[in-house]
Structure formats: C-alpha cells, structure tokens
Amino acid sequence: MDEHNRSAERPPAGTPDAADDALSRVGEGAGRRPVYRLFGREFPKPGSRRARLALGAALSVLGVFGFLPVLGFWMIPLGLFILSHELHPLRRIRRRLAVRRGRKRSGTARN
C-alpha cells in the first residue's frame, strides 16, 4: 500500500488507535481558539488584542502591589507572559528562554 493511502485509512471506532487518531486531529482546522500554553496546561486567549494587552498590563501593574491582600507578586511574570505573545521585544526574550530551557533539558550544547 502506498504511504498516502495509509493516511486516508482510519482505525475502527472504539479501538485505542481511534481515540489517539481523534486526539491528534483536535488541533486541526481554523475552528480552534488560540491558547496560552503554560506548565503543560492550555488557557484560552481573550478574543481581541486590546483585551490581551489590557490583561497583561493590568496583571503586571497590579503585581507591583503584591504586598497587599488578594494581589500577589505572581501577577508580574504572568502579565509579562501574556504581553510576550503580543509585543515583539518580549516575544523574542520568551523564545530565547524557551530554546535555552529545551537545550538544557535535552543536554545539547550550543555550537
């Protein structure tokens, strides 16, 4: 059988392979809402860019008042993380850190 014909076949419903195949197709298509991936979990992004910028800025600014009840210093990195998906300079830093962490985990050195 050709390789392209094998990809067209689907395992019978109810088998473990069918469940794995269905999970792999979840992200396909334009109907899926964008998400933030943080610590292995996914959180939906707010719909508009203005809302994301306002949320990130509010978390960062209110995090400065972390000594007050309810607010916390944890809000600063979370706000910067949200802003890093919208602002180019922060995005570059976030991606560098992700690459560095990936290299550290895999044990490969930078050439």
N, C-alpha and C. Protein backbone atom coordinates (compact mmCIF):
# COMPACT_ATOMS: atom_id res chain seq x y z
N MET A 1 0.83 -1.18 0.00
CA MET A 1 0.00 0.00 0.00
C MET A 1 0.87 1.25 0.00
N ASP A 2 0.47 2.25 -0.73
CA ASP A 2 1.22 3.50 -0.75
C ASP A 2 1.05 4.23 0.57
N GLU A 3 2.04 5.08 0.88
CA GLU A 3 2.00 5.82 2.14
C GLU A 3 0.82 6.78 2.19
N HIS A 4 0.50 7.42 1.06
CA HIS A 4 -0.63 8.36 1.07
C HIS A 4 -1.95 7.63 1.24
N ASN A 5 -2.07 6.37 0.83
CA ASN A 5 -3.29 5.61 1.04
C ASN A 5 -3.45 5.21 2.50
N ARG A 6 -2.33 4.93 3.18
CA ARG A 6 -2.41 4.56 4.59
C ARG A 6 -2.92 5.70 5.45
N SER A 7 -2.56 6.94 5.10
CA SER A 7 -3.01 8.07 5.90
C SER A 7 -4.52 8.30 5.74
N ALA A 8 -5.10 7.83 4.65
CA ALA A 8 -6.53 8.00 4.44
C ALA A 8 -7.35 7.01 5.25
N GLU A 9 -6.73 5.88 5.63
CA GLU A 9 -7.45 4.88 6.41
C GLU A 9 -7.61 5.34 7.85
N ARG A 10 -8.73 5.04 8.44
CA ARG A 10 -8.99 5.35 9.84
C ARG A 10 -9.21 4.05 10.58
N PRO A 11 -8.70 3.93 11.81
CA PRO A 11 -8.94 2.72 12.58
C PRO A 11 -10.43 2.61 12.94
N PRO A 12 -10.91 1.40 13.16
CA PRO A 12 -12.32 1.23 13.53
C PRO A 12 -12.65 1.96 14.83
N ALA A 13 -13.86 2.49 14.90
CA ALA A 13 -14.29 3.22 16.10
C ALA A 13 -14.26 2.29 17.31
N GLY A 14 -13.89 2.83 18.44
CA GLY A 14 -13.87 2.06 19.68
C GLY A 14 -12.52 1.45 20.00
N THR A 15 -11.58 1.49 19.07
CA THR A 15 -10.26 0.93 19.34
C THR A 15 -9.37 2.02 19.95
N PRO A 16 -8.34 1.63 20.68
CA PRO A 16 -7.45 2.65 21.27
C PRO A 16 -6.80 3.53 20.20
N ASP A 17 -6.50 2.95 19.02
CA ASP A 17 -5.91 3.75 17.96
C ASP A 17 -6.87 4.82 17.46
N ALA A 18 -8.17 4.53 17.47
CA ALA A 18 -9.16 5.50 17.02
C ALA A 18 -9.17 6.70 17.96
N ALA A 19 -9.03 6.47 19.26
CA ALA A 19 -9.01 7.57 20.23
C ALA A 19 -7.76 8.42 20.03
N ASP A 20 -6.60 7.78 19.81
CA ASP A 20 -5.38 8.52 19.57
C ASP A 20 -5.49 9.35 18.30
N ASP A 21 -6.09 8.77 17.26
CA ASP A 21 -6.25 9.48 16.00
C ASP A 21 -7.16 10.69 16.17
N ALA A 22 -8.22 10.53 16.94
CA ALA A 22 -9.15 11.64 17.18
C ALA A 22 -8.45 12.75 17.96
N LEU A 23 -7.60 12.39 18.93
CA LEU A 23 -6.89 13.40 19.70
C LEU A 23 -5.89 14.16 18.84
N SER A 24 -5.28 13.48 17.88
CA SER A 24 -4.31 14.15 17.03
C SER A 24 -4.97 15.13 16.08
N ARG A 25 -6.26 14.93 15.78
CA ARG A 25 -6.96 15.83 14.87
C ARG A 25 -7.63 16.99 15.58
N VAL A 26 -7.59 17.04 16.91
CA VAL A 26 -8.27 18.10 17.64
C VAL A 26 -7.78 19.47 17.23
N GLY A 27 -6.47 19.64 17.05
CA GLY A 27 -5.90 20.93 16.72
C GLY A 27 -6.04 21.34 15.28
N GLU A 28 -6.53 20.46 14.43
CA GLU A 28 -6.64 20.76 13.02
C GLU A 28 -7.78 21.71 12.74
N GLY A 29 -7.63 22.51 11.73
CA GLY A 29 -8.71 23.39 11.29
C GLY A 29 -8.63 24.76 11.93
N ALA A 30 -9.40 25.67 11.36
CA ALA A 30 -9.38 27.04 11.83
C ALA A 30 -10.39 27.28 12.95
N GLY A 31 -11.18 26.28 13.32
CA GLY A 31 -12.20 26.47 14.32
C GLY A 31 -11.70 26.47 15.75
N ARG A 32 -10.44 26.09 15.97
CA ARG A 32 -9.91 26.03 17.32
C ARG A 32 -9.43 27.39 17.77
N ARG A 33 -9.83 27.79 18.97
CA ARG A 33 -9.45 29.08 19.54
C ARG A 33 -7.99 29.05 19.99
N PRO A 34 -7.24 30.13 19.76
CA PRO A 34 -5.84 30.17 20.20
C PRO A 34 -5.74 30.06 21.72
N VAL A 35 -4.66 29.45 22.18
CA VAL A 35 -4.49 29.23 23.62
C VAL A 35 -3.09 29.65 24.05
N TYR A 36 -2.97 29.92 25.36
CA TYR A 36 -1.67 30.08 26.00
C TYR A 36 -1.31 28.72 26.57
N ARG A 37 -0.07 28.28 26.34
CA ARG A 37 0.40 27.03 26.92
C ARG A 37 1.37 27.37 28.03
N LEU A 38 1.03 26.99 29.26
CA LEU A 38 1.84 27.34 30.42
C LEU A 38 1.86 26.15 31.36
N PHE A 39 3.06 25.64 31.64
CA PHE A 39 3.25 24.50 32.55
C PHE A 39 2.43 23.28 32.12
N GLY A 40 2.36 23.04 30.82
CA GLY A 40 1.68 21.86 30.30
C GLY A 40 0.17 21.99 30.25
N ARG A 41 -0.36 23.14 30.57
CA ARG A 41 -1.81 23.36 30.50
C ARG A 41 -2.12 24.40 29.44
N GLU A 42 -3.34 24.38 28.95
CA GLU A 42 -3.75 25.33 27.94
C GLU A 42 -4.86 26.23 28.49
N PHE A 43 -4.71 27.53 28.24
CA PHE A 43 -5.70 28.51 28.67
C PHE A 43 -6.11 29.31 27.45
N PRO A 44 -7.42 29.49 27.22
CA PRO A 44 -7.85 30.22 26.02
C PRO A 44 -7.43 31.69 26.07
N LYS A 45 -7.02 32.21 24.92
CA LYS A 45 -6.65 33.62 24.81
C LYS A 45 -7.92 34.46 24.70
N PRO A 46 -7.92 35.65 25.28
CA PRO A 46 -9.05 36.57 25.04
C PRO A 46 -9.15 36.87 23.55
N GLY A 47 -10.36 37.14 23.10
CA GLY A 47 -10.62 37.30 21.68
C GLY A 47 -9.92 38.46 21.01
N SER A 48 -9.86 39.63 21.64
CA SER A 48 -9.29 40.79 20.97
C SER A 48 -7.88 41.09 21.49
N ARG A 49 -7.10 41.70 20.64
CA ARG A 49 -5.72 42.06 21.01
C ARG A 49 -5.74 43.09 22.12
N ARG A 50 -6.68 44.04 22.06
CA ARG A 50 -6.78 45.06 23.12
C ARG A 50 -7.03 44.42 24.48
N ALA A 51 -7.88 43.41 24.52
CA ALA A 51 -8.17 42.74 25.78
C ALA A 51 -6.92 42.03 26.32
N ARG A 52 -6.15 41.41 25.42
CA ARG A 52 -4.92 40.73 25.85
C ARG A 52 -3.89 41.73 26.37
N LEU A 53 -3.75 42.86 25.67
CA LEU A 53 -2.81 43.88 26.13
C LEU A 53 -3.25 44.48 27.47
N ALA A 54 -4.55 44.73 27.61
CA ALA A 54 -5.06 45.28 28.87
C ALA A 54 -4.88 44.29 30.02
N LEU A 55 -5.15 43.01 29.76
CA LEU A 55 -4.99 41.99 30.79
C LEU A 55 -3.53 41.87 31.22
N GLY A 56 -2.61 41.82 30.27
CA GLY A 56 -1.19 41.70 30.58
C GLY A 56 -0.68 42.91 31.33
N ALA A 57 -1.08 44.10 30.89
CA ALA A 57 -0.63 45.33 31.56
C ALA A 57 -1.22 45.41 32.97
N ALA A 58 -2.49 45.07 33.12
CA ALA A 58 -3.12 45.13 34.44
C ALA A 58 -2.46 44.15 35.41
N LEU A 59 -2.19 42.95 34.96
CA LEU A 59 -1.53 41.98 35.83
C LEU A 59 -0.14 42.46 36.24
N SER A 60 0.60 43.01 35.29
CA SER A 60 1.95 43.48 35.60
C SER A 60 1.93 44.66 36.56
N VAL A 61 1.06 45.62 36.33
CA VAL A 61 1.00 46.81 37.19
C VAL A 61 0.47 46.45 38.58
N LEU A 62 -0.59 45.67 38.64
CA LEU A 62 -1.15 45.31 39.94
C LEU A 62 -0.24 44.36 40.72
N GLY A 63 0.62 43.64 40.02
CA GLY A 63 1.56 42.76 40.69
C GLY A 63 2.58 43.51 41.52
N VAL A 64 2.81 44.78 41.19
CA VAL A 64 3.72 45.62 41.97
C VAL A 64 3.18 45.78 43.39
N PHE A 65 1.87 45.73 43.53
CA PHE A 65 1.24 45.86 44.85
C PHE A 65 1.03 44.49 45.48
N GLY A 66 1.95 43.59 45.26
CA GLY A 66 1.84 42.22 45.74
C GLY A 66 1.85 42.08 47.24
N PHE A 67 2.28 43.09 47.94
CA PHE A 67 2.29 43.02 49.40
C PHE A 67 0.89 43.18 49.98
N LEU A 68 -0.07 43.61 49.16
CA LEU A 68 -1.45 43.77 49.62
C LEU A 68 -2.18 42.43 49.53
N PRO A 69 -3.21 42.24 50.37
CA PRO A 69 -4.00 41.01 50.28
C PRO A 69 -4.66 40.89 48.89
N VAL A 70 -4.90 39.68 48.46
CA VAL A 70 -5.54 39.30 47.20
C VAL A 70 -4.56 39.44 46.02
N LEU A 71 -3.83 40.56 45.94
CA LEU A 71 -2.86 40.73 44.87
C LEU A 71 -1.60 39.97 45.25
N GLY A 72 -0.76 39.71 44.28
CA GLY A 72 0.46 38.99 44.58
C GLY A 72 1.53 39.27 43.56
N PHE A 73 2.77 39.01 43.96
CA PHE A 73 3.90 39.23 43.07
C PHE A 73 3.88 38.24 41.90
N TRP A 74 3.10 37.16 42.01
CA TRP A 74 2.96 36.19 40.92
C TRP A 74 2.32 36.82 39.69
N MET A 75 1.65 37.95 39.86
CA MET A 75 0.96 38.60 38.76
C MET A 75 1.93 39.23 37.76
N ILE A 76 3.11 39.62 38.23
CA ILE A 76 4.08 40.26 37.33
C ILE A 76 4.55 39.31 36.23
N PRO A 77 5.08 38.11 36.57
CA PRO A 77 5.51 37.24 35.47
C PRO A 77 4.35 36.76 34.59
N LEU A 78 3.17 36.58 35.17
CA LEU A 78 2.03 36.17 34.36
C LEU A 78 1.65 37.27 33.37
N GLY A 79 1.65 38.52 33.83
CA GLY A 79 1.36 39.64 32.94
C GLY A 79 2.39 39.77 31.83
N LEU A 80 3.67 39.59 32.18
CA LEU A 80 4.72 39.66 31.17
C LEU A 80 4.61 38.51 30.17
N PHE A 81 4.19 37.33 30.66
CA PHE A 81 3.98 36.20 29.76
C PHE A 81 2.88 36.50 28.75
N ILE A 82 1.79 37.08 29.21
CA ILE A 82 0.68 37.42 28.31
C ILE A 82 1.11 38.49 27.32
N LEU A 83 1.84 39.49 27.82
CA LEU A 83 2.32 40.55 26.92
C LEU A 83 3.35 40.02 25.94
N SER A 84 4.08 38.98 26.31
CA SER A 84 5.12 38.45 25.41
C SER A 84 4.53 37.81 24.16
N HIS A 85 3.26 37.49 24.17
CA HIS A 85 2.62 36.95 22.98
C HIS A 85 2.16 38.08 22.05
N GLU A 86 2.17 39.31 22.55
CA GLU A 86 1.67 40.44 21.76
C GLU A 86 2.77 41.42 21.36
N LEU A 87 3.81 41.57 22.17
CA LEU A 87 4.84 42.57 21.93
C LEU A 87 6.13 41.89 21.48
N HIS A 88 6.67 42.36 20.36
CA HIS A 88 7.83 41.71 19.75
C HIS A 88 9.06 41.61 20.66
N PRO A 89 9.48 42.66 21.36
CA PRO A 89 10.69 42.52 22.20
C PRO A 89 10.53 41.47 23.29
N LEU A 90 9.37 41.41 23.91
CA LEU A 90 9.13 40.40 24.95
C LEU A 90 9.00 39.00 24.34
N ARG A 91 8.45 38.92 23.14
CA ARG A 91 8.33 37.63 22.46
C ARG A 91 9.71 37.05 22.19
N ARG A 92 10.63 37.90 21.75
CA ARG A 92 11.99 37.45 21.46
C ARG A 92 12.66 36.88 22.73
N ILE A 93 12.50 37.56 23.85
CA ILE A 93 13.07 37.09 25.11
C ILE A 93 12.45 35.76 25.52
N ARG A 94 11.12 35.66 25.41
CA ARG A 94 10.43 34.43 25.79
C ARG A 94 10.90 33.25 24.95
N ARG A 95 11.07 33.47 23.66
CA ARG A 95 11.51 32.38 22.78
C ARG A 95 12.95 31.98 23.04
N ARG A 96 13.81 32.95 23.34
CA ARG A 96 15.20 32.62 23.71
C ARG A 96 15.24 31.77 24.96
N LEU A 97 14.44 32.15 25.95
CA LEU A 97 14.40 31.36 27.19
C LEU A 97 13.87 29.96 26.93
N ALA A 98 12.87 29.83 26.06
CA ALA A 98 12.32 28.51 25.74
C ALA A 98 13.35 27.64 25.04
N VAL A 99 14.12 28.23 24.13
CA VAL A 99 15.17 27.47 23.44
C VAL A 99 16.24 27.05 24.43
N ARG A 100 16.65 27.96 25.29
CA ARG A 100 17.67 27.65 26.30
C ARG A 100 17.21 26.53 27.23
N ARG A 101 15.94 26.60 27.65
CA ARG A 101 15.41 25.55 28.53
C ARG A 101 15.35 24.21 27.80
N GLY A 102 14.97 24.23 26.53
CA GLY A 102 14.92 23.00 25.75
C GLY A 102 16.28 22.38 25.57
N ARG A 103 17.29 23.21 25.34
CA ARG A 103 18.65 22.70 25.20
C ARG A 103 19.14 22.12 26.51
N LYS A 104 18.80 22.78 27.59
CA LYS A 104 19.23 22.31 28.90
C LYS A 104 18.62 20.95 29.22
N ARG A 105 17.33 20.80 28.89
CA ARG A 105 16.64 19.53 29.15
C ARG A 105 17.20 18.39 28.29
N SER A 106 17.50 18.69 27.02
CA SER A 106 17.97 17.63 26.13
C SER A 106 19.46 17.36 26.29
N GLY A 107 20.18 18.26 26.93
CA GLY A 107 21.60 18.05 27.16
C GLY A 107 22.48 18.41 25.98
N THR A 108 21.92 19.12 24.99
CA THR A 108 22.73 19.51 23.84
C THR A 108 23.35 20.86 24.11
N ALA A 109 24.56 21.06 23.63
CA ALA A 109 25.26 22.32 23.82
C ALA A 109 25.11 23.19 22.58
N ARG A 110 25.21 24.47 22.77
CA ARG A 110 25.14 25.41 21.65
C ARG A 110 26.47 25.42 20.95
N ASN A 111 26.46 25.33 19.61
CA ASN A 111 27.70 25.32 18.84
C ASN A 111 28.15 26.70 18.49
